[in-house]
């Protein structure tokens, strides 16, 4: 999210990330026919709109599937010549 906020001079805080997501998730209904699913970061699951509506519920109410990002990004794959693999996240408790 910092890559989106920095160029427009907005500090990368949780509240600013929430406001940016709210702007996207509350776009008018024309987007509903174009978007089948939204992949949330863990933080997004617990965020709400200004009126208290949970983002996950808001998206589902629009007929869009909600998913969650459970990887930590790409890391080098040992024993290969520059190949990478996706590092998973511990979803059975807190991440290290």
PDB file of N, CA and C in Angstrom:
ATOM      1  N   UNK A   1       0.827  -1.191   0.000  1.00  0.00           N
ATOM      2  CA  UNK A   1       0.000   0.000   0.000  1.00  0.00           C
ATOM      3  C   UNK A   1       0.870   1.252   0.000  1.00  0.00           C
ATOM      4  N   UNK A   2       2.028   1.168   0.636  1.00  0.00           N
ATOM      5  CA  UNK A   2       2.922   2.319   0.659  1.00  0.00           C
ATOM      6  C   UNK A   2       3.294   2.795  -0.734  1.00  0.00           C
ATOM      7  N   UNK A   3       3.395   1.860  -1.682  1.00  0.00           N
ATOM      8  CA  UNK A   3       3.737   2.211  -3.063  1.00  0.00           C
ATOM      9  C   UNK A   3       2.644   3.048  -3.719  1.00  0.00           C
ATOM     10  N   UNK A   4       1.423   2.934  -3.241  1.00  0.00           N
ATOM     11  CA  UNK A   4       0.320   3.716  -3.787  1.00  0.00           C
ATOM     12  C   UNK A   4       0.179   5.071  -3.079  1.00  0.00           C
ATOM     13  N   UNK A   5       0.472   5.082  -1.799  1.00  0.00           N
ATOM     14  CA  UNK A   5       0.282   6.304  -1.015  1.00  0.00           C
ATOM     15  C   UNK A   5       1.443   7.283  -1.145  1.00  0.00           C
ATOM     16  N   UNK A   6       2.658   6.778  -1.177  1.00  0.00           N
ATOM     17  CA  UNK A   6       3.840   7.635  -1.209  1.00  0.00           C
ATOM     18  C   UNK A   6       3.860   8.627  -2.374  1.00  0.00           C
ATOM     19  N   UNK A   7       3.586   8.191  -3.607  1.00  0.00           N
ATOM     20  CA  UNK A   7       3.645   9.140  -4.731  1.00  0.00           C
ATOM     21  C   UNK A   7       2.650  10.296  -4.635  1.00  0.00           C
ATOM     22  N   UNK A   8       1.598  10.124  -3.838  1.00  0.00           N
ATOM     23  CA  UNK A   8       0.617  11.211  -3.706  1.00  0.00           C
ATOM     24  C   UNK A   8       0.787  11.963  -2.380  1.00  0.00           C
ATOM     25  N   UNK A   9       1.923  11.700  -1.698  1.00  0.00           N
ATOM     26  CA  UNK A   9       2.250  12.437  -0.484  1.00  0.00           C
ATOM     27  C   UNK A   9       1.421  12.079   0.728  1.00  0.00           C
ATOM     28  N   UNK A  10       0.905  10.839   0.770  1.00  0.00           N
ATOM     29  CA  UNK A  10       0.086  10.402   1.905  1.00  0.00           C
ATOM     30  C   UNK A  10       0.893   9.424   2.753  1.00  0.00           C
ATOM     31  N   UNK A  11       0.935   9.675   4.058  1.00  0.00           N
ATOM     32  CA  UNK A  11       1.679   8.821   4.976  1.00  0.00           C
ATOM     33  C   UNK A  11       1.057   7.422   5.031  1.00  0.00           C
ATOM     34  N   UNK A  12       1.909   6.409   5.072  1.00  0.00           N
ATOM     35  CA  UNK A  12       1.467   5.010   5.095  1.00  0.00           C
ATOM     36  C   UNK A  12       1.106   4.605   6.533  1.00  0.00           C
ATOM     37  N   UNK A  13      -0.092   4.998   6.957  1.00  0.00           N
ATOM     38  CA  UNK A  13      -0.592   4.633   8.281  1.00  0.00           C
ATOM     39  C   UNK A  13      -1.779   3.695   8.113  1.00  0.00           C
ATOM     40  N   UNK A  14      -2.141   3.002   9.169  1.00  0.00           N
ATOM     41  CA  UNK A  14      -3.293   2.102   9.089  1.00  0.00           C
ATOM     42  C   UNK A  14      -4.570   2.865   8.716  1.00  0.00           C
ATOM     43  N   UNK A  15      -4.755   4.042   9.291  1.00  0.00           N
ATOM     44  CA  UNK A  15      -5.959   4.825   8.990  1.00  0.00           C
ATOM     45  C   UNK A  15      -5.985   5.266   7.528  1.00  0.00           C
ATOM     46  N   UNK A  16      -4.863   5.693   6.992  1.00  0.00           N
ATOM     47  CA  UNK A  16      -4.833   6.095   5.585  1.00  0.00           C
ATOM     48  C   UNK A  16      -5.048   4.902   4.661  1.00  0.00           C
ATOM     49  N   UNK A  17      -4.513   3.741   5.038  1.00  0.00           N
ATOM     50  CA  UNK A  17      -4.775   2.531   4.247  1.00  0.00           C
ATOM     51  C   UNK A  17      -6.259   2.187   4.288  1.00  0.00           C
ATOM     52  N   UNK A  18      -6.881   2.332   5.464  1.00  0.00           N
ATOM     53  CA  UNK A  18      -8.318   2.068   5.599  1.00  0.00           C
ATOM     54  C   UNK A  18      -9.127   3.020   4.722  1.00  0.00           C
ATOM     55  N   UNK A  19      -8.780   4.283   4.754  1.00  0.00           N
ATOM     56  CA  UNK A  19      -9.506   5.274   3.947  1.00  0.00           C
ATOM     57  C   UNK A  19      -9.370   4.991   2.453  1.00  0.00           C
ATOM     58  N   UNK A  20      -8.187   4.582   2.019  1.00  0.00           N
ATOM     59  CA  UNK A  20      -7.975   4.251   0.608  1.00  0.00           C
ATOM     60  C   UNK A  20      -8.825   3.047   0.210  1.00  0.00           C
ATOM     61  N   UNK A  21      -8.817   2.014   1.057  1.00  0.00           N
ATOM     62  CA  UNK A  21      -9.637   0.831   0.779  1.00  0.00           C
ATOM     63  C   UNK A  21     -11.119   1.184   0.763  1.00  0.00           C
ATOM     64  N   UNK A  22     -11.551   2.019   1.709  1.00  0.00           N
ATOM     65  CA  UNK A  22     -12.950   2.438   1.742  1.00  0.00           C
ATOM     66  C   UNK A  22     -13.334   3.121   0.434  1.00  0.00           C
ATOM     67  N   UNK A  23     -12.460   3.972  -0.078  1.00  0.00           N
ATOM     68  CA  UNK A  23     -12.717   4.645  -1.345  1.00  0.00           C
ATOM     69  C   UNK A  23     -12.941   3.632  -2.468  1.00  0.00           C
ATOM     70  N   UNK A  24     -12.097   2.616  -2.520  1.00  0.00           N
ATOM     71  CA  UNK A  24     -12.236   1.585  -3.554  1.00  0.00           C
ATOM     72  C   UNK A  24     -13.490   0.743  -3.358  1.00  0.00           C
ATOM     73  N   UNK A  25     -13.715   0.290  -2.123  1.00  0.00           N
ATOM     74  CA  UNK A  25     -14.798  -0.653  -1.844  1.00  0.00           C
ATOM     75  C   UNK A  25     -16.183  -0.017  -1.920  1.00  0.00           C
ATOM     76  N   UNK A  26     -16.249   1.300  -1.851  1.00  0.00           N
ATOM     77  CA  UNK A  26     -17.556   1.965  -1.903  1.00  0.00           C
ATOM     78  C   UNK A  26     -17.792   2.660  -3.245  1.00  0.00           C
ATOM     79  N   UNK A  27     -16.970   2.338  -4.242  1.00  0.00           N
ATOM     80  CA  UNK A  27     -17.187   2.881  -5.588  1.00  0.00           C
ATOM     81  C   UNK A  27     -18.593   2.489  -6.044  1.00  0.00           C
ATOM     82  N   UNK A  28     -19.124   3.217  -7.000  1.00  0.00           N
ATOM     83  CA  UNK A  28     -20.515   2.962  -7.384  1.00  0.00           C
ATOM     84  C   UNK A  28     -20.716   1.563  -7.958  1.00  0.00           C
ATOM     85  N   UNK A  29     -21.968   1.185  -8.077  1.00  0.00           N
ATOM     86  CA  UNK A  29     -22.356  -0.196  -8.397  1.00  0.00           C
ATOM     87  C   UNK A  29     -21.899  -0.679  -9.761  1.00  0.00           C
ATOM     88  N   UNK A  30     -21.409   0.195 -10.618  1.00  0.00           N
ATOM     89  CA  UNK A  30     -20.924  -0.244 -11.928  1.00  0.00           C
ATOM     90  C   UNK A  30     -19.751  -1.203 -11.809  1.00  0.00           C
ATOM     91  N   UNK A  31     -19.014  -1.132 -10.709  1.00  0.00           N
ATOM     92  CA  UNK A  31     -17.873  -2.034 -10.544  1.00  0.00           C
ATOM     93  C   UNK A  31     -18.299  -3.463 -10.212  1.00  0.00           C
ATOM     94  N   UNK A  32     -19.479  -3.654  -9.678  1.00  0.00           N
ATOM     95  CA  UNK A  32     -19.921  -4.971  -9.228  1.00  0.00           C
ATOM     96  C   UNK A  32     -19.893  -6.022 -10.338  1.00  0.00           C
ATOM     97  N   UNK A  33     -20.239  -5.643 -11.552  1.00  0.00           N
ATOM     98  CA  UNK A  33     -20.264  -6.583 -12.674  1.00  0.00           C
ATOM     99  C   UNK A  33     -18.869  -6.863 -13.221  1.00  0.00           C
ATOM    100  N   UNK A  34     -17.886  -6.092 -12.787  1.00  0.00           N
ATOM    101  CA  UNK A  34     -16.526  -6.214 -13.326  1.00  0.00           C
ATOM    102  C   UNK A  34     -15.557  -6.925 -12.396  1.00  0.00           C
ATOM    103  N   UNK A  35     -15.900  -7.041 -11.133  1.00  0.00           N
ATOM    104  CA  UNK A  35     -14.983  -7.611 -10.143  1.00  0.00           C
ATOM    105  C   UNK A  35     -15.635  -8.830  -9.510  1.00  0.00           C
ATOM    106  N   UNK A  36     -14.965  -9.969  -9.640  1.00  0.00           N
ATOM    107  CA  UNK A  36     -15.500 -11.207  -9.085  1.00  0.00           C
ATOM    108  C   UNK A  36     -15.003 -11.497  -7.680  1.00  0.00           C
ATOM    109  N   UNK A  37     -13.817 -10.962  -7.336  1.00  0.00           N
ATOM    110  CA  UNK A  37     -13.260 -11.238  -6.025  1.00  0.00           C
ATOM    111  C   UNK A  37     -12.242 -10.196  -5.619  1.00  0.00           C
ATOM    112  N   UNK A  38     -12.071 -10.064  -4.316  1.00  0.00           N
ATOM    113  CA  UNK A  38     -11.094  -9.149  -3.737  1.00  0.00           C
ATOM    114  C   UNK A  38     -10.259  -9.944  -2.746  1.00  0.00           C
ATOM    115  N   UNK A  39      -8.933  -9.855  -2.881  1.00  0.00           N
ATOM    116  CA  UNK A  39      -8.038 -10.534  -1.951  1.00  0.00           C
ATOM    117  C   UNK A  39      -7.623  -9.524  -0.886  1.00  0.00           C
ATOM    118  N   UNK A  40      -7.997  -9.811   0.350  1.00  0.00           N
ATOM    119  CA  UNK A  40      -7.697  -8.930   1.476  1.00  0.00           C
ATOM    120  C   UNK A  40      -6.362  -9.289   2.111  1.00  0.00           C
ATOM    121  N   UNK A  41      -5.670  -8.280   2.606  1.00  0.00           N
ATOM    122  CA  UNK A  41      -4.586  -8.502   3.544  1.00  0.00           C
ATOM    123  C   UNK A  41      -5.236  -8.731   4.906  1.00  0.00           C
ATOM    124  N   UNK A  42      -4.512  -9.358   5.815  1.00  0.00           N
ATOM    125  CA  UNK A  42      -5.034  -9.672   7.150  1.00  0.00           C
ATOM    126  C   UNK A  42      -5.634  -8.428   7.808  1.00  0.00           C
ATOM    127  N   UNK A  43      -4.929  -7.312   7.727  1.00  0.00           N
ATOM    128  CA  UNK A  43      -5.388  -6.054   8.330  1.00  0.00           C
ATOM    129  C   UNK A  43      -6.784  -5.664   7.845  1.00  0.00           C
ATOM    130  N   UNK A  44      -7.044  -5.890   6.565  1.00  0.00           N
ATOM    131  CA  UNK A  44      -8.295  -5.445   5.947  1.00  0.00           C
ATOM    132  C   UNK A  44      -9.510  -6.180   6.502  1.00  0.00           C
ATOM    133  N   UNK A  45      -9.324  -7.427   6.935  1.00  0.00           N
ATOM    134  CA  UNK A  45     -10.441  -8.208   7.474  1.00  0.00           C
ATOM    135  C   UNK A  45     -11.113  -7.533   8.660  1.00  0.00           C
ATOM    136  N   UNK A  46     -10.367  -6.738   9.395  1.00  0.00           N
ATOM    137  CA  UNK A  46     -10.873  -6.140  10.632  1.00  0.00           C
ATOM    138  C   UNK A  46     -11.200  -4.661  10.480  1.00  0.00           C
ATOM    139  N   UNK A  47     -11.105  -4.140   9.265  1.00  0.00           N
ATOM    140  CA  UNK A  47     -11.384  -2.722   9.059  1.00  0.00           C
ATOM    141  C   UNK A  47     -12.834  -2.502   8.653  1.00  0.00           C
ATOM    142  N   UNK A  48     -13.337  -1.318   8.986  1.00  0.00           N
ATOM    143  CA  UNK A  48     -14.722  -0.938   8.720  1.00  0.00           C
ATOM    144  C   UNK A  48     -14.789   0.385   7.978  1.00  0.00           C
ATOM    145  N   UNK A  49     -15.932   0.630   7.349  1.00  0.00           N
ATOM    146  CA  UNK A  49     -16.200   1.940   6.758  1.00  0.00           C
ATOM    147  C   UNK A  49     -16.450   2.939   7.880  1.00  0.00           C
ATOM    148  N   UNK A  50     -16.542   4.187   7.509  1.00  0.00           N
ATOM    149  CA  UNK A  50     -16.816   5.238   8.508  1.00  0.00           C
ATOM    150  C   UNK A  50     -18.103   4.978   9.283  1.00  0.00           C
ATOM    151  N   UNK A  51     -19.095   4.333   8.640  1.00  0.00           N
ATOM    152  CA  UNK A  51     -20.366   4.067   9.330  1.00  0.00           C
ATOM    153  C   UNK A  51     -20.368   2.742  10.096  1.00  0.00           C
ATOM    154  N   UNK A  52     -19.203   2.062  10.161  1.00  0.00           N
ATOM    155  CA  UNK A  52     -19.083   0.840  10.956  1.00  0.00           C
ATOM    156  C   UNK A  52     -19.301  -0.459  10.204  1.00  0.00           C
ATOM    157  N   UNK A  53     -19.556  -0.409   8.901  1.00  0.00           N
ATOM    158  CA  UNK A  53     -19.744  -1.633   8.119  1.00  0.00           C
ATOM    159  C   UNK A  53     -18.401  -2.291   7.876  1.00  0.00           C
ATOM    160  N   UNK A  54     -18.299  -3.568   8.226  1.00  0.00           N
ATOM    161  CA  UNK A  54     -17.066  -4.306   8.007  1.00  0.00           C
ATOM    162  C   UNK A  54     -16.794  -4.440   6.509  1.00  0.00           C
ATOM    163  N   UNK A  55     -15.544  -4.216   6.098  1.00  0.00           N
ATOM    164  CA  UNK A  55     -15.199  -4.286   4.678  1.00  0.00           C
ATOM    165  C   UNK A  55     -15.570  -5.630   4.059  1.00  0.00           C
ATOM    166  N   UNK A  56     -15.324  -6.702   4.781  1.00  0.00           N
ATOM    167  CA  UNK A  56     -15.640  -8.035   4.261  1.00  0.00           C
ATOM    168  C   UNK A  56     -17.133  -8.163   3.974  1.00  0.00           C
ATOM    169  N   UNK A  57     -17.965  -7.702   4.886  1.00  0.00           N
ATOM    170  CA  UNK A  57     -19.419  -7.747   4.690  1.00  0.00           C
ATOM    171  C   UNK A  57     -19.841  -6.851   3.541  1.00  0.00           C
ATOM    172  N   UNK A  58     -19.250  -5.672   3.469  1.00  0.00           N
ATOM    173  CA  UNK A  58     -19.555  -4.730   2.397  1.00  0.00           C
ATOM    174  C   UNK A  58     -19.308  -5.355   1.027  1.00  0.00           C
ATOM    175  N   UNK A  59     -18.183  -6.020   0.875  1.00  0.00           N
ATOM    176  CA  UNK A  59     -17.833  -6.655  -0.402  1.00  0.00           C
ATOM    177  C   UNK A  59     -18.785  -7.815  -0.696  1.00  0.00           C
ATOM    178  N   UNK A  60     -19.049  -8.653   0.304  1.00  0.00           N
ATOM    179  CA  UNK A  60     -19.960  -9.794   0.095  1.00  0.00           C
ATOM    180  C   UNK A  60     -21.362  -9.317  -0.270  1.00  0.00           C
ATOM    181  N   UNK A  61     -21.818  -8.240   0.355  1.00  0.00           N
ATOM    182  CA  UNK A  61     -23.149  -7.706   0.056  1.00  0.00           C
ATOM    183  C   UNK A  61     -23.253  -7.219  -1.386  1.00  0.00           C
ATOM    184  N   UNK A  62     -22.121  -6.939  -2.004  1.00  0.00           N
ATOM    185  CA  UNK A  62     -22.109  -6.498  -3.401  1.00  0.00           C
ATOM    186  C   UNK A  62     -22.011  -7.680  -4.359  1.00  0.00           C
ATOM    187  N   UNK A  63     -22.025  -8.911  -3.817  1.00  0.00           N
ATOM    188  CA  UNK A  63     -21.958 -10.104  -4.655  1.00  0.00           C
ATOM    189  C   UNK A  63     -20.555 -10.443  -5.109  1.00  0.00           C
ATOM    190  N   UNK A  64     -19.560  -9.938  -4.397  1.00  0.00           N
ATOM    191  CA  UNK A  64     -18.159 -10.159  -4.736  1.00  0.00           C
ATOM    192  C   UNK A  64     -17.555 -11.094  -3.694  1.00  0.00           C
ATOM    193  N   UNK A  65     -16.749 -12.041  -4.143  1.00  0.00           N
ATOM    194  CA  UNK A  65     -16.111 -13.018  -3.257  1.00  0.00           C
ATOM    195  C   UNK A  65     -14.937 -12.368  -2.530  1.00  0.00           C
ATOM    196  N   UNK A  66     -14.804 -12.690  -1.239  1.00  0.00           N
ATOM    197  CA  UNK A  66     -13.698 -12.185  -0.434  1.00  0.00           C
ATOM    198  C   UNK A  66     -12.712 -13.318  -0.194  1.00  0.00           C
ATOM    199  N   UNK A  67     -11.438 -13.041  -0.431  1.00  0.00           N
ATOM    200  CA  UNK A  67     -10.361 -13.985  -0.134  1.00  0.00           C
ATOM    201  C   UNK A  67      -9.364 -13.300   0.777  1.00  0.00           C
ATOM    202  N   UNK A  68      -8.369 -14.054   1.248  1.00  0.00           N
ATOM    203  CA  UNK A  68      -7.336 -13.479   2.104  1.00  0.00           C
ATOM    204  C   UNK A  68      -5.969 -13.893   1.611  1.00  0.00           C
ATOM    205  N   UNK A  69      -5.057 -12.947   1.600  1.00  0.00           N
ATOM    206  CA  UNK A  69      -3.675 -13.186   1.188  1.00  0.00           C
ATOM    207  C   UNK A  69      -2.976 -13.872   2.352  1.00  0.00           C
ATOM    208  N   UNK A  70      -2.472 -15.066   2.108  1.00  0.00           N
ATOM    209  CA  UNK A  70      -1.816 -15.816   3.187  1.00  0.00           C
ATOM    210  C   UNK A  70      -0.357 -16.111   2.877  1.00  0.00           C
ATOM    211  N   UNK A  71       0.221 -15.371   1.953  1.00  0.00           N
ATOM    212  CA  UNK A  71       1.642 -15.581   1.703  1.00  0.00           C
ATOM    213  C   UNK A  71       2.428 -14.363   2.139  1.00  0.00           C
ATOM    214  N   UNK A  72       3.727 -14.570   2.321  1.00  0.00           N
ATOM    215  CA  UNK A  72       4.614 -13.499   2.764  1.00  0.00           C
ATOM    216  C   UNK A  72       5.470 -12.968   1.631  1.00  0.00           C
ATOM    217  N   UNK A  73       5.135 -13.351   0.416  1.00  0.00           N
ATOM    218  CA  UNK A  73       5.900 -12.857  -0.723  1.00  0.00           C
ATOM    219  C   UNK A  73       6.827 -13.915  -1.286  1.00  0.00           C
ATOM    220  N   UNK A  74       7.613 -13.501  -2.259  1.00  0.00           N
ATOM    221  CA  UNK A  74       8.495 -14.399  -2.991  1.00  0.00           C
ATOM    222  C   UNK A  74       9.872 -14.405  -2.340  1.00  0.00           C
ATOM    223  N   UNK A  75      10.457 -15.604  -2.228  1.00  0.00           N
ATOM    224  CA  UNK A  75      11.810 -15.775  -1.694  1.00  0.00           C
ATOM    225  C   UNK A  75      12.588 -16.689  -2.645  1.00  0.00           C
ATOM    226  N   UNK A  76      13.934 -16.588  -2.629  1.00  0.00           N
ATOM    227  CA  UNK A  76      14.738 -17.467  -3.490  1.00  0.00           C
ATOM    228  C   UNK A  76      14.507 -18.934  -3.139  1.00  0.00           C
ATOM    229  N   UNK A  77      14.485 -19.791  -4.156  1.00  0.00           N
ATOM    230  CA  UNK A  77      14.319 -21.226  -3.967  1.00  0.00           C
ATOM    231  C   UNK A  77      15.701 -21.859  -3.905  1.00  0.00           C
ATOM    232  N   UNK A  78      16.023 -22.443  -2.771  1.00  0.00           N
ATOM    233  CA  UNK A  78      17.343 -23.034  -2.553  1.00  0.00           C
ATOM    234  C   UNK A  78      17.650 -24.101  -3.599  1.00  0.00           C
ATOM    235  N   UNK A  79      18.904 -24.122  -4.040  1.00  0.00           N
ATOM    236  CA  UNK A  79      19.348 -25.155  -4.972  1.00  0.00           C
ATOM    237  C   UNK A  79      18.971 -24.909  -6.415  1.00  0.00           C
ATOM    238  N   UNK A  80      18.466 -23.707  -6.739  1.00  0.00           N
ATOM    239  CA  UNK A  80      18.079 -23.404  -8.121  1.00  0.00           C
ATOM    240  C   UNK A  80      18.906 -22.234  -8.635  1.00  0.00           C
ATOM    241  N   UNK A  81      18.786 -21.981  -9.902  1.00  0.00           N
ATOM    242  CA  UNK A  81      19.503 -20.881 -10.534  1.00  0.00           C
ATOM    243  C   UNK A  81      18.571 -19.669 -10.682  1.00  0.00           C
ATOM    244  N   UNK A  82      18.268 -19.021  -9.557  1.00  0.00           N
ATOM    245  CA  UNK A  82      17.459 -17.815  -9.594  1.00  0.00           C
ATOM    246  C   UNK A  82      15.956 -18.018  -9.532  1.00  0.00           C
ATOM    247  N   UNK A  83      15.507 -19.265  -9.337  1.00  0.00           N
ATOM    248  CA  UNK A  83      14.059 -19.481  -9.217  1.00  0.00           C
ATOM    249  C   UNK A  83      13.571 -19.025  -7.854  1.00  0.00           C
ATOM    250  N   UNK A  84      12.271 -18.752  -7.761  1.00  0.00           N
ATOM    251  CA  UNK A  84      11.683 -18.292  -6.505  1.00  0.00           C
ATOM    252  C   UNK A  84      10.463 -19.139  -6.152  1.00  0.00           C
ATOM    253  N   UNK A  85      10.061 -19.011  -4.916  1.00  0.00           N
ATOM    254  CA  UNK A  85       8.864 -19.679  -4.435  1.00  0.00           C
ATOM    255  C   UNK A  85       8.127 -18.728  -3.510  1.00  0.00           C
ATOM    256  N   UNK A  86       6.861 -18.983  -3.284  1.00  0.00           N
ATOM    257  CA  UNK A  86       6.067 -18.156  -2.382  1.00  0.00           C
ATOM    258  C   UNK A  86       6.187 -18.712  -0.975  1.00  0.00           C
ATOM    259  N   UNK A  87       6.541 -17.845  -0.049  1.00  0.00           N
ATOM    260  CA  UNK A  87       6.669 -18.233   1.352  1.00  0.00           C
ATOM    261  C   UNK A  87       5.316 -18.112   2.010  1.00  0.00           C
ATOM    262  N   UNK A  88       4.833 -19.191   2.622  1.00  0.00           N
ATOM    263  CA  UNK A  88       3.506 -19.193   3.243  1.00  0.00           C
ATOM    264  C   UNK A  88       3.501 -18.538   4.599  1.00  0.00           C
ATOM    265  N   UNK A  89       2.309 -18.263   5.076  1.00  0.00           N
ATOM    266  CA  UNK A  89       2.108 -17.663   6.392  1.00  0.00           C
ATOM    267  C   UNK A  89       1.481 -18.701   7.299  1.00  0.00           C
ATOM    268  N   UNK A  90       1.843 -18.668   8.551  1.00  0.00           N
ATOM    269  CA  UNK A  90       1.248 -19.548   9.552  1.00  0.00           C
ATOM    270  C   UNK A  90      -0.173 -19.072   9.797  1.00  0.00           C
ATOM    271  N   UNK A  91      -1.147 -19.841   9.326  1.00  0.00           N
ATOM    272  CA  UNK A  91      -2.552 -19.420   9.498  1.00  0.00           C
ATOM    273  C   UNK A  91      -3.222 -20.069  10.692  1.00  0.00           C
ATOM    274  N   UNK A  92      -2.456 -20.819  11.489  1.00  0.00           N
ATOM    275  CA  UNK A  92      -3.025 -21.488  12.660  1.00  0.00           C
ATOM    276  C   UNK A  92      -2.683 -20.763  13.945  1.00  0.00           C
ATOM    277  N   UNK A  93      -2.219 -19.584  13.837  1.00  0.00           N
ATOM    278  CA  UNK A  93      -1.850 -18.793  15.006  1.00  0.00           C
ATOM    279  C   UNK A  93      -1.174 -17.538  14.539  1.00  0.00           C
ATOM    280  N   UNK A  94      -0.452 -16.910  15.420  1.00  0.00           N
ATOM    281  CA  UNK A  94       0.218 -15.693  15.032  1.00  0.00           C
ATOM    282  C   UNK A  94       1.458 -16.002  14.211  1.00  0.00           C
ATOM    283  N   UNK A  95       1.744 -15.140  13.243  1.00  0.00           N
ATOM    284  CA  UNK A  95       2.939 -15.283  12.432  1.00  0.00           C
ATOM    285  C   UNK A  95       4.154 -14.940  13.272  1.00  0.00           C
ATOM    286  N   UNK A  96       5.272 -15.591  13.002  1.00  0.00           N
ATOM    287  CA  UNK A  96       6.501 -15.267  13.762  1.00  0.00           C
ATOM    288  C   UNK A  96       6.957 -13.862  13.507  1.00  0.00           C
TER     289      UNK A  96
END
